[in-house]
Amino acid sequence: MDLLQEINETKQEWLNMQNVYNELQDPRLIDAVIYRMNAVERKYEYLLQLAKAEHLVNREIFVR
């Protein structure tokens, strides 16, 4: 998988986890969802740093 594809998939996963959190009905799952959302967010930030180091540009992702 190339870096831009991984960034896009991770971004989508992060957005999906935000939706899960917003629609959560069972308060017993809040901690698990927050943990997963934070983990995916950290992965996304890491991948963006890699893209920045490689000077990658995408229409949806611009990294200076």
C-alpha atoms as a PDB file:
ATOM      1  CA  MET A   1       0.000   0.000   0.000  1.00  0.00           C
ATOM      2  CA  ASP A   2       1.406   3.378  -0.872  1.00  0.00           C
ATOM      3  CA  LEU A   3       1.638   6.180   1.664  1.00  0.00           C
ATOM      4  CA  LEU A   4      -1.114   8.377   0.212  1.00  0.00           C
ATOM      5  CA  GLN A   5      -3.532   5.462   0.151  1.00  0.00           C
ATOM      6  CA  GLU A   6      -2.692   4.622   3.756  1.00  0.00           C
ATOM      7  CA  ILE A   7      -3.202   8.256   4.752  1.00  0.00           C
ATOM      8  CA  ASN A   8      -6.597   8.347   3.060  1.00  0.00           C
ATOM      9  CA  GLU A   9      -7.697   5.071   4.662  1.00  0.00           C
ATOM     10  CA  THR A  10      -6.508   6.175   8.092  1.00  0.00           C
ATOM     11  CA  LYS A  11      -8.268   9.516   7.722  1.00  0.00           C
ATOM     12  CA  GLN A  12     -11.488   7.709   6.809  1.00  0.00           C
ATOM     13  CA  GLU A  13     -11.094   5.380   9.794  1.00  0.00           C
ATOM     14  CA  TRP A  14     -10.589   8.408  12.059  1.00  0.00           C
ATOM     15  CA  LEU A  15     -13.721  10.084  10.687  1.00  0.00           C
ATOM     16  CA  ASN A  16     -15.647   6.835  11.111  1.00  0.00           C
ATOM     17  CA  MET A  17     -14.562   6.590  14.751  1.00  0.00           C
ATOM     18  CA  GLN A  18     -15.732  10.162  15.328  1.00  0.00           C
ATOM     19  CA  ASN A  19     -19.136   9.165  13.934  1.00  0.00           C
ATOM     20  CA  VAL A  20     -19.231   6.089  16.164  1.00  0.00           C
ATOM     21  CA  TYR A  21     -18.473   8.286  19.168  1.00  0.00           C
ATOM     22  CA  ASN A  22     -21.169  10.806  18.214  1.00  0.00           C
ATOM     23  CA  GLU A  23     -23.773   8.063  17.791  1.00  0.00           C
ATOM     24  CA  LEU A  24     -22.739   5.950  20.776  1.00  0.00           C
ATOM     25  CA  GLN A  25     -25.705   4.669  22.766  1.00  0.00           C
ATOM     26  CA  ASP A  26     -23.943   2.566  25.401  1.00  0.00           C
ATOM     27  CA  PRO A  27     -21.886   4.631  27.874  1.00  0.00           C
ATOM     28  CA  ARG A  28     -19.871   1.514  28.754  1.00  0.00           C
ATOM     29  CA  LEU A  29     -18.174   1.767  25.361  1.00  0.00           C
ATOM     30  CA  ILE A  30     -17.092   5.412  25.586  1.00  0.00           C
ATOM     31  CA  ASP A  31     -13.594   4.672  26.905  1.00  0.00           C
ATOM     32  CA  ALA A  32     -12.935   2.035  24.243  1.00  0.00           C
ATOM     33  CA  VAL A  33     -14.113   4.297  21.430  1.00  0.00           C
ATOM     34  CA  ILE A  34     -12.064   7.245  22.697  1.00  0.00           C
ATOM     35  CA  TYR A  35      -8.972   5.016  22.999  1.00  0.00           C
ATOM     36  CA  ARG A  36      -9.397   3.751  19.427  1.00  0.00           C
ATOM     37  CA  MET A  37     -10.124   7.231  18.074  1.00  0.00           C
ATOM     38  CA  ASN A  38      -6.982   8.621  19.728  1.00  0.00           C
ATOM     39  CA  ALA A  39      -4.859   5.748  18.415  1.00  0.00           C
ATOM     40  CA  VAL A  40      -6.083   6.292  14.847  1.00  0.00           C
ATOM     41  CA  GLU A  41      -5.542  10.050  15.177  1.00  0.00           C
ATOM     42  CA  ARG A  42      -1.924   9.497  16.268  1.00  0.00           C
ATOM     43  CA  LYS A  43      -1.369   7.134  13.315  1.00  0.00           C
ATOM     44  CA  TYR A  44      -2.833   9.749  10.959  1.00  0.00           C
ATOM     45  CA  GLU A  45      -0.533  12.447  12.360  1.00  0.00           C
ATOM     46  CA  TYR A  46       2.462  10.122  11.976  1.00  0.00           C
ATOM     47  CA  LEU A  47       1.591   9.354   8.357  1.00  0.00           C
ATOM     48  CA  LEU A  48       1.203  13.064   7.607  1.00  0.00           C
ATOM     49  CA  GLN A  49       4.692  13.648   9.022  1.00  0.00           C
ATOM     50  CA  LEU A  50       6.045  10.953   6.698  1.00  0.00           C
ATOM     51  CA  ALA A  51       4.291  12.561   3.743  1.00  0.00           C
ATOM     52  CA  LYS A  52       5.699  15.940   4.692  1.00  0.00           C
ATOM     53  CA  ALA A  53       9.211  14.489   4.857  1.00  0.00           C
ATOM     54  CA  GLU A  54       8.723  13.040   1.364  1.00  0.00           C
ATOM     55  CA  HIS A  55       7.148  16.270   0.041  1.00  0.00           C
ATOM     56  CA  LEU A  56       4.035  14.406  -1.090  1.00  0.00           C
ATOM     57  CA  VAL A  57       1.045  16.324  -2.422  1.00  0.00           C
ATOM     58  CA  ASN A  58      -2.472  15.077  -3.016  1.00  0.00           C
ATOM     59  CA  ARG A  59      -5.639  16.962  -3.953  1.00  0.00           C
ATOM     60  CA  GLU A  60      -7.242  16.035  -0.626  1.00  0.00           C
ATOM     61  CA  ILE A  61      -4.033  16.140   1.393  1.00  0.00           C
ATOM     62  CA  PHE A  62      -1.549  18.936   1.073  1.00  0.00           C
ATOM     63  CA  VAL A  63       1.509  18.679   3.236  1.00  0.00           C
ATOM     64  CA  ARG A  64       3.973  21.545   3.240  1.00  0.00           C
END
